[in-house]
Amino acid sequence: MEKKDLFTQMHHLEEQMGGLHHYIGSLKQEIVQLLEENKRLSIENQQLRKLLRRESAAAEPAETTTDEHGGKPPKETPSVGEGYDNLARLYHEGFHICNVHYGHLRTEKDCLFCLSFLNK
């Protein structure tokens, strides 16, 4: 085998490796997008199940309770910090909550922007 043929084969192999590297990078991006969509759909499914349970519980006849003065029961107020808890839960499930990458899957370790937002 001549040196020129060896060089040509090596150049061809290098081009194939570059194409393979690009292909693997695009597959990685697709996997990240699929994981983000899967997590988003799982969370949406969980929220819809909660809503369905609430609606089915509300549809059942329930005893109406009154306060000690015979008036209507007090309205339920949302707990303080519920939004913060939801954001913290999203962050711990692997999503960004910062304004830079909000809603994207965290592929690396912790995000300093998200952590600074949680510590406010």
Protein backbone atom coordinates (compact mmCIF):
# COMPACT_ATOMS: atom_id res chain seq x y z
CA MET A 1 0.00 0.00 0.00
CA GLU A 2 1.36 3.36 -0.95
CA LYS A 3 1.69 6.31 1.37
CA LYS A 4 -0.78 8.34 -0.69
CA ASP A 5 -3.46 5.64 -0.42
CA LEU A 6 -2.90 5.41 3.32
CA PHE A 7 -3.26 9.19 3.66
CA THR A 8 -6.46 9.14 1.55
CA GLN A 9 -7.96 6.36 3.66
CA MET A 10 -7.04 8.19 6.86
CA HIS A 11 -8.66 11.40 5.56
CA HIS A 12 -11.80 9.48 4.60
CA LEU A 13 -11.94 7.87 8.06
CA GLU A 14 -11.54 11.30 9.68
CA GLU A 15 -14.48 12.65 7.65
CA GLN A 16 -16.63 9.70 8.68
CA MET A 17 -15.77 10.24 12.35
CA GLY A 18 -16.71 13.93 12.07
CA GLY A 19 -20.07 12.99 10.54
CA LEU A 20 -20.64 10.41 13.26
CA HIS A 21 -19.80 12.97 15.95
CA HIS A 22 -22.32 15.42 14.47
CA TYR A 23 -24.96 12.67 14.26
CA ILE A 24 -24.44 11.68 17.91
CA GLY A 25 -24.73 15.34 18.96
CA SER A 26 -28.06 15.70 17.15
CA LEU A 27 -29.32 12.46 18.74
CA LYS A 28 -28.35 13.81 22.16
CA GLN A 29 -30.39 16.98 21.53
CA GLU A 30 -33.39 14.90 20.46
CA ILE A 31 -33.10 12.80 23.62
CA VAL A 32 -33.04 15.94 25.79
CA GLN A 33 -36.15 17.25 24.03
CA LEU A 34 -37.93 13.92 24.47
CA LEU A 35 -37.01 13.79 28.17
CA GLU A 36 -38.30 17.34 28.67
CA GLU A 37 -41.56 16.53 26.91
CA ASN A 38 -41.94 13.29 28.86
CA LYS A 39 -41.43 15.07 32.19
CA ARG A 40 -43.81 17.88 31.19
CA LEU A 41 -46.48 15.36 30.19
CA SER A 42 -45.97 13.40 33.42
CA ILE A 43 -46.48 16.56 35.48
CA GLU A 44 -49.52 17.53 33.40
CA ASN A 45 -50.95 14.03 33.86
CA GLN A 46 -50.40 14.24 37.61
CA GLN A 47 -52.14 17.63 37.78
CA LEU A 48 -55.07 16.35 35.72
CA ARG A 49 -55.45 13.35 38.03
CA LYS A 50 -55.54 15.68 41.05
CA LEU A 51 -58.16 17.84 39.34
CA LEU A 52 -60.23 14.78 38.47
CA ARG A 53 -60.07 13.55 42.07
CA ARG A 54 -61.14 16.98 43.35
CA GLU A 55 -64.05 17.18 40.92
CA SER A 56 -65.22 13.66 41.68
CA ALA A 57 -65.02 14.40 45.43
CA ALA A 58 -66.98 17.62 44.91
CA ALA A 59 -69.65 15.79 42.90
CA GLU A 60 -70.35 13.40 45.79
CA PRO A 61 -72.99 14.65 48.23
CA ALA A 62 -71.22 16.02 51.27
CA GLU A 63 -72.50 17.30 54.55
CA THR A 64 -72.35 21.06 54.74
CA THR A 65 -70.60 22.24 57.83
CA THR A 66 -71.22 25.51 59.54
CA ASP A 67 -69.17 27.43 62.00
CA GLU A 68 -70.12 27.67 65.67
CA HIS A 69 -72.35 30.69 65.01
CA GLY A 70 -74.48 28.87 62.44
CA GLY A 71 -73.02 30.74 59.47
CA LYS A 72 -71.40 29.49 56.33
CA PRO A 73 -68.09 27.64 56.61
CA PRO A 74 -65.01 29.80 56.16
CA LYS A 75 -63.50 29.84 52.67
CA GLU A 76 -60.32 27.91 52.18
CA THR A 77 -57.34 30.18 51.58
CA PRO A 78 -54.33 29.00 49.62
CA SER A 79 -51.33 28.28 51.75
CA VAL A 80 -48.63 30.91 51.90
CA GLY A 81 -45.62 30.04 49.80
CA GLU A 82 -47.44 27.59 47.55
CA GLY A 83 -45.86 29.13 44.43
CA TYR A 84 -42.42 28.93 45.98
CA ASP A 85 -43.02 25.28 46.90
CA ASN A 86 -44.09 24.50 43.33
CA LEU A 87 -40.96 26.14 41.92
CA ALA A 88 -38.75 24.29 44.41
CA ARG A 89 -40.47 21.03 43.47
CA LEU A 90 -39.90 21.71 39.75
CA TYR A 91 -36.23 22.47 40.41
CA HIS A 92 -35.77 19.25 42.38
CA GLU A 93 -37.47 17.30 39.59
CA GLY A 94 -34.73 18.50 37.26
CA PHE A 95 -36.12 21.60 35.56
CA HIS A 96 -34.75 25.13 35.36
CA ILE A 97 -36.80 27.78 37.19
CA CYS A 98 -34.56 30.73 36.33
CA ASN A 99 -35.50 33.29 33.71
CA VAL A 100 -32.57 32.21 31.53
CA HIS A 101 -33.63 28.58 30.87
CA TYR A 102 -37.10 28.35 32.46
CA GLY A 103 -38.78 24.99 31.92
CA HIS A 104 -35.81 23.29 30.28
CA LEU A 105 -34.40 20.08 31.68
CA ARG A 106 -31.25 20.54 33.75
CA THR A 107 -28.68 18.30 32.07
CA GLU A 108 -25.79 19.48 34.21
CA LYS A 109 -25.52 19.79 37.98
CA ASP A 110 -27.03 22.74 39.86
CA CYS A 111 -27.83 26.02 38.10
CA LEU A 112 -26.55 29.09 39.93
CA PHE A 113 -29.34 31.28 38.50
CA CYS A 114 -32.01 28.88 39.78
CA LEU A 115 -30.37 28.57 43.18
CA SER A 116 -30.10 32.34 43.57
CA PHE A 117 -33.77 32.63 42.64
CA LEU A 118 -34.73 30.03 45.27
CA ASN A 119 -32.68 31.79 47.94
CA LYS A 120 -34.43 35.17 47.47
